[in-house]
Amino acid sequence: MGVISTTILVIGGIGVLAAIVLYFVAKKFYVYENPKIAEIEELLPGANCGGCGMSGCHAFAKACAETDSLDGFNCTGAGKDIMEKISVIVGLEAKAGIRRVAVMKCNGGCSERQIVNNYDGVTSCAMEGALYQGETDCNYGCLGRGDCVASCIFDALHIDSESGIAVVDHEKCVGCGKCVKTCPRGLLELVPVIDDKPIVWVTCMNHDKGALAMKECTISCIGCGKCKRVCEHGAVDVEDFVAHINPELCVGCGECEAACPRGSITHIGDLIPTKKEAES
């Protein structure tokens, strides 16, 4: 019994000594953290999407707690209501950020782009794009392997079973921009969502000349410039044989969409009646 008692006392003493050492070490190296950081972080979605421009939700919460102004601070995954709650915690006024959503700049599905070969490799847009042009003659269209879908933690993207291209669910999209960075062909773009103003964009990124682009896809932009000529607001530009609409300048009149001979322009929301519609 003496040996057992001695062993218990020695081990117990070591435990107590270790606890005392750990207590003083913890006190010595204790780092104070503003309790507001934890409060703010609890309100955030915890997605660490980087849409706010910071490394993650903790970094965003820390920045909010330590800043003198919330100007420019916006959690894309949280929304306006959460930012207002954060403003109450830190005692600062939060300015409403502009919501953005991703739009897909390719609408050339299986029926518009003829498949000329079959890819047999890793299911990855990045991998397929690095190896060769893809299964169609268009070097610029959606590869449909779902890299953007995998990158979206908000379930706002899916590959359409009929067209084989990525489709954005704009109700779920928070504009974090992960899909934009992921797409190897730059087919996704973030555009602002403004009340009572439709989003109009070109659903093509084909930079080949018109005749070749027409062979590659039945609804490709051919850079004819008709959309640019009818736009009275300077919102449309044509560069390298493909049109692009500046969402900041576009008013949603619909003139460009009506003028496009290829059906390469689409929109979300209600368009302002075109001149022809207004006259009729």
Protein backbone atom coordinates (compact mmCIF):
# COMPACT_ATOMS: atom_id res chain seq x y z
CA MET A 1 0.00 0.00 0.00
CA GLY A 2 2.91 2.29 0.66
CA VAL A 3 4.14 2.10 -2.93
CA ILE A 4 0.65 2.77 -4.30
CA SER A 5 0.13 5.73 -1.98
CA THR A 6 3.51 7.16 -2.90
CA THR A 7 2.75 6.78 -6.62
CA ILE A 8 -0.60 8.51 -6.23
CA LEU A 9 0.97 11.38 -4.29
CA VAL A 10 3.78 11.81 -6.83
CA ILE A 11 1.46 11.75 -9.84
CA GLY A 12 -1.00 14.03 -8.06
CA GLY A 13 1.80 16.43 -7.18
CA ILE A 14 3.02 16.50 -10.76
CA GLY A 15 -0.55 17.19 -11.91
CA VAL A 16 -0.96 20.07 -9.46
CA LEU A 17 2.44 21.50 -10.40
CA ALA A 18 1.62 21.24 -14.11
CA ALA A 19 -1.73 22.96 -13.53
CA ILE A 20 -0.01 25.83 -11.69
CA VAL A 21 2.57 26.20 -14.48
CA LEU A 22 -0.12 26.18 -17.17
CA TYR A 23 -2.14 28.76 -15.22
CA PHE A 24 0.76 31.21 -15.05
CA VAL A 25 1.75 30.55 -18.69
CA ALA A 26 -1.83 31.23 -19.79
CA LYS A 27 -1.84 34.45 -17.77
CA LYS A 28 1.55 35.47 -19.18
CA PHE A 29 0.63 34.89 -22.82
CA TYR A 30 -3.05 35.82 -22.63
CA VAL A 31 -4.15 37.88 -25.62
CA TYR A 32 -7.12 40.13 -25.05
CA GLU A 33 -9.78 40.05 -27.76
CA ASN A 34 -12.56 42.56 -28.01
CA PRO A 35 -15.79 40.75 -26.96
CA LYS A 36 -17.58 42.55 -29.78
CA ILE A 37 -15.68 40.37 -32.25
CA ALA A 38 -17.41 37.24 -30.96
CA GLU A 39 -20.81 38.98 -31.02
CA ILE A 40 -20.34 40.05 -34.62
CA GLU A 41 -18.99 36.67 -35.71
CA GLU A 42 -22.11 34.95 -34.34
CA LEU A 43 -24.22 37.04 -36.73
CA LEU A 44 -22.16 36.14 -39.80
CA PRO A 45 -22.92 33.05 -41.94
CA GLY A 46 -19.53 31.47 -41.23
CA ALA A 47 -19.01 30.66 -44.89
CA ASN A 48 -15.58 32.32 -45.11
CA CYS A 49 -16.39 33.07 -48.75
CA GLY A 50 -14.15 36.12 -49.00
CA GLY A 51 -16.87 38.21 -50.63
CA CYS A 52 -16.19 41.00 -48.13
CA GLY A 53 -12.62 41.21 -49.38
CA MET A 54 -11.13 39.66 -46.24
CA SER A 55 -9.75 36.22 -45.45
CA GLY A 56 -12.83 35.04 -43.59
CA CYS A 57 -15.68 35.82 -41.20
CA HIS A 58 -13.42 36.20 -38.16
CA ALA A 59 -11.21 38.70 -39.98
CA PHE A 60 -14.31 40.64 -41.06
CA ALA A 61 -15.72 40.64 -37.52
CA LYS A 62 -12.38 41.84 -36.12
CA ALA A 63 -12.17 44.62 -38.69
CA CYS A 64 -15.72 45.75 -37.90
CA ALA A 65 -15.02 45.81 -34.17
CA GLU A 66 -11.84 47.85 -34.55
CA THR A 67 -12.80 50.31 -37.28
CA ASP A 68 -13.82 53.94 -36.87
CA SER A 69 -16.23 53.78 -39.82
CA LEU A 70 -18.25 51.01 -41.47
CA ASP A 71 -18.01 52.66 -44.89
CA GLY A 72 -17.10 50.01 -47.40
CA PHE A 73 -17.86 47.12 -45.03
CA ASN A 74 -20.37 44.67 -46.45
CA CYS A 75 -20.88 40.97 -45.83
CA THR A 76 -22.33 39.66 -49.08
CA GLY A 77 -23.60 36.49 -47.41
CA ALA A 78 -25.34 38.27 -44.53
CA GLY A 79 -27.30 41.09 -46.10
CA LYS A 80 -28.55 44.48 -45.00
CA ASP A 81 -30.29 43.34 -41.78
CA ILE A 82 -27.14 41.76 -40.37
CA MET A 83 -25.06 44.81 -41.19
CA GLU A 84 -27.56 46.94 -39.28
CA LYS A 85 -27.20 44.66 -36.24
CA ILE A 86 -23.41 44.92 -36.50
CA SER A 87 -23.71 48.71 -36.61
CA VAL A 88 -25.62 48.61 -33.31
CA ILE A 89 -22.91 46.46 -31.68
CA VAL A 90 -20.06 48.77 -32.71
CA GLY A 91 -22.05 51.99 -32.39
CA LEU A 92 -21.45 53.12 -35.94
CA GLU A 93 -23.69 53.86 -38.89
CA ALA A 94 -23.72 51.19 -41.57
CA LYS A 95 -24.25 52.30 -45.14
CA ALA A 96 -26.17 49.82 -47.26
CA GLY A 97 -23.88 48.06 -49.70
CA ILE A 98 -24.89 47.40 -53.29
CA ARG A 99 -25.96 43.81 -53.76
CA ARG A 100 -24.28 42.01 -56.64
CA VAL A 101 -25.09 38.77 -58.40
CA ALA A 102 -23.21 36.66 -60.92
CA VAL A 103 -24.39 36.40 -64.53
CA MET A 104 -23.36 33.68 -66.96
CA LYS A 105 -21.89 35.00 -70.20
CA CYS A 106 -22.53 31.86 -72.22
CA ASN A 107 -25.86 30.53 -73.39
CA GLY A 108 -24.58 28.11 -76.02
CA GLY A 109 -25.88 24.76 -74.89
CA CYS A 110 -25.82 21.37 -76.60
CA SER A 111 -28.32 22.47 -79.26
CA GLU A 112 -26.38 25.64 -80.11
CA ARG A 113 -22.82 24.28 -80.11
CA GLN A 114 -22.23 21.05 -81.94
CA ILE A 115 -20.14 18.47 -80.09
CA VAL A 116 -17.20 17.42 -82.28
CA ASN A 117 -15.24 15.25 -79.83
CA ASN A 118 -15.60 13.60 -76.43
CA TYR A 119 -13.55 14.52 -73.38
CA ASP A 120 -12.39 11.54 -71.34
CA GLY A 121 -10.54 12.83 -68.32
CA VAL A 122 -10.82 14.45 -64.91
CA THR A 123 -14.20 16.13 -64.40
CA SER A 124 -12.84 19.64 -64.11
CA CYS A 125 -13.20 22.76 -66.22
CA ALA A 126 -9.71 23.87 -65.24
CA MET A 127 -8.22 20.55 -66.27
CA GLU A 128 -10.16 20.29 -69.53
CA GLY A 129 -9.47 23.91 -70.43
CA ALA A 130 -5.74 23.42 -69.83
CA LEU A 131 -5.59 20.31 -72.01
CA TYR A 132 -7.55 21.40 -75.07
CA GLN A 133 -10.37 23.61 -76.40
CA GLY A 134 -13.28 21.47 -75.23
CA GLU A 135 -15.84 19.24 -76.87
CA THR A 136 -17.11 21.90 -79.30
CA ASP A 137 -15.48 24.17 -81.85
CA CYS A 138 -16.04 27.19 -79.58
CA ASN A 139 -12.92 27.95 -77.55
CA TYR A 140 -14.76 30.41 -75.31
CA GLY A 141 -17.92 28.66 -74.12
CA CYS A 142 -18.88 26.94 -70.88
CA LEU A 143 -17.20 23.56 -70.44
CA GLY A 144 -19.92 22.36 -68.08
CA ARG A 145 -17.72 20.38 -65.68
CA GLY A 146 -19.01 22.27 -62.66
CA ASP A 147 -15.94 23.92 -61.12
CA CYS A 148 -18.09 26.98 -60.42
CA VAL A 149 -20.83 24.81 -58.90
CA ALA A 150 -18.33 23.19 -56.52
CA SER A 151 -16.98 26.60 -55.49
CA CYS A 152 -20.41 28.01 -54.58
CA ILE A 153 -21.17 27.39 -50.90
CA PHE A 154 -24.59 29.03 -51.25
CA ASP A 155 -25.97 26.45 -53.73
CA ALA A 156 -26.61 29.22 -56.28
CA LEU A 157 -25.19 27.37 -59.28
CA HIS A 158 -26.03 24.16 -61.09
CA ILE A 159 -25.32 22.51 -64.43
CA ASP A 160 -28.46 22.40 -66.55
CA SER A 161 -29.14 18.81 -67.62
CA GLU A 162 -30.39 19.83 -71.07
CA SER A 163 -28.00 22.58 -72.12
CA GLY A 164 -24.97 21.31 -70.22
CA ILE A 165 -23.95 24.81 -69.11
CA ALA A 166 -23.84 26.47 -65.70
CA VAL A 167 -26.94 28.35 -64.57
CA VAL A 168 -27.04 30.95 -61.78
CA ASP A 169 -29.91 31.03 -59.28
CA HIS A 170 -30.06 34.77 -58.72
CA GLU A 171 -32.31 34.42 -55.68
CA LYS A 172 -29.61 32.44 -53.86
CA CYS A 173 -26.56 34.23 -55.26
CA VAL A 174 -24.93 36.61 -52.75
CA GLY A 175 -22.24 37.94 -55.05
CA CYS A 176 -19.25 36.57 -53.17
CA GLY A 177 -17.35 36.19 -56.45
CA LYS A 178 -15.90 32.72 -55.84
CA CYS A 179 -17.39 31.39 -59.07
CA VAL A 180 -15.96 34.35 -61.00
CA LYS A 181 -12.46 33.49 -59.79
CA THR A 182 -12.98 29.77 -60.40
CA CYS A 183 -14.16 29.80 -64.03
CA PRO A 184 -11.09 29.25 -66.25
CA ARG A 185 -12.78 31.00 -69.17
CA GLY A 186 -13.99 34.08 -67.31
CA LEU A 187 -17.64 33.43 -68.16
CA LEU A 188 -19.10 34.71 -64.91
CA GLU A 189 -19.36 38.39 -64.05
CA LEU A 190 -20.64 40.21 -60.97
CA VAL A 191 -23.19 42.91 -61.73
CA PRO A 192 -25.01 45.29 -59.37
CA VAL A 193 -28.65 44.73 -58.44
CA ILE A 194 -30.48 48.05 -58.39
CA ASP A 195 -34.15 48.41 -57.45
CA ASP A 196 -36.53 48.85 -60.39
CA LYS A 197 -33.72 48.39 -62.89
CA PRO A 198 -33.29 45.22 -64.96
CA ILE A 199 -29.95 43.52 -65.46
CA VAL A 200 -29.00 43.27 -69.13
CA TRP A 201 -25.96 41.36 -70.36
CA VAL A 202 -24.40 39.64 -73.37
CA THR A 203 -24.52 35.85 -73.09
CA CYS A 204 -21.41 35.24 -75.18
CA MET A 205 -17.64 35.59 -74.88
CA ASN A 206 -16.66 34.40 -78.37
CA HIS A 207 -13.85 36.60 -79.68
CA ASP A 208 -13.64 35.01 -83.11
CA LYS A 209 -14.66 36.98 -86.19
CA GLY A 210 -18.33 36.91 -87.13
CA ALA A 211 -18.26 34.26 -89.86
CA LEU A 212 -16.30 31.82 -87.72
CA ALA A 213 -18.32 32.57 -84.57
CA MET A 214 -21.54 31.83 -86.46
CA LYS A 215 -20.23 28.37 -87.40
CA GLU A 216 -19.17 27.63 -83.84
CA CYS A 217 -22.46 28.59 -82.14
CA THR A 218 -25.89 29.48 -83.49
CA ILE A 219 -26.42 32.23 -80.92
CA SER A 220 -22.91 33.63 -80.68
CA CYS A 221 -22.18 37.34 -80.64
CA ILE A 222 -20.62 38.32 -83.98
CA GLY A 223 -19.50 41.81 -83.01
CA CYS A 224 -21.76 43.48 -85.59
CA GLY A 225 -22.20 46.54 -83.39
CA LYS A 226 -25.97 46.93 -83.85
CA CYS A 227 -26.47 46.89 -80.10
CA LYS A 228 -23.90 49.65 -79.68
CA ARG A 229 -25.46 51.82 -82.35
CA VAL A 230 -28.95 51.73 -80.83
CA CYS A 231 -27.79 52.39 -77.27
CA GLU A 232 -28.26 56.08 -76.46
CA HIS A 233 -26.60 55.77 -73.06
CA GLY A 234 -23.15 54.60 -74.09
CA ALA A 235 -23.57 51.39 -72.14
CA VAL A 236 -22.53 49.01 -74.93
CA ASP A 237 -19.03 48.53 -76.23
CA VAL A 238 -17.66 46.08 -78.81
CA GLU A 239 -14.09 44.88 -78.45
CA ASP A 240 -12.36 41.91 -80.07
CA PHE A 241 -15.55 41.01 -81.95
CA VAL A 242 -17.74 40.65 -78.88
CA ALA A 243 -20.11 43.09 -77.19
CA HIS A 244 -20.18 43.96 -73.51
CA ILE A 245 -22.75 45.97 -71.56
CA ASN A 246 -21.63 48.26 -68.75
CA PRO A 247 -24.17 47.67 -65.94
CA GLU A 248 -23.38 51.05 -64.41
CA LEU A 249 -24.52 52.90 -67.55
CA CYS A 250 -27.31 50.58 -68.71
CA VAL A 251 -30.83 51.82 -67.95
CA GLY A 252 -32.62 48.69 -69.12
CA CYS A 253 -34.36 50.20 -72.12
CA GLY A 254 -34.09 46.93 -74.06
CA GLU A 255 -33.09 48.54 -77.36
CA CYS A 256 -29.90 46.47 -77.60
CA GLU A 257 -31.69 43.20 -76.94
CA ALA A 258 -34.31 44.01 -79.58
CA ALA A 259 -31.64 44.96 -82.12
CA CYS A 260 -29.40 41.91 -81.65
CA PRO A 261 -29.77 39.64 -84.71
CA ARG A 262 -28.30 36.66 -82.87
CA GLY A 263 -30.33 36.67 -79.66
CA SER A 264 -27.09 37.03 -77.70
CA ILE A 265 -28.45 39.57 -75.21
CA THR A 266 -30.73 38.68 -72.32
CA HIS A 267 -32.03 40.30 -69.14
CA ILE A 268 -33.48 39.81 -65.66
CA GLY A 269 -36.35 42.05 -64.55
CA ASP A 270 -38.79 44.27 -66.40
CA LEU A 271 -37.39 46.19 -69.35
CA ILE A 272 -38.40 49.73 -70.18
CA PRO A 273 -40.52 49.60 -73.39
CA THR A 274 -38.36 50.07 -76.49
CA LYS A 275 -39.06 52.92 -78.90
CA LYS A 276 -40.88 50.58 -81.28
CA GLU A 277 -43.06 49.21 -78.51
CA ALA A 278 -43.84 52.70 -77.24
CA GLU A 279 -44.86 53.88 -80.73
CA SER A 280 -47.13 50.90 -81.40
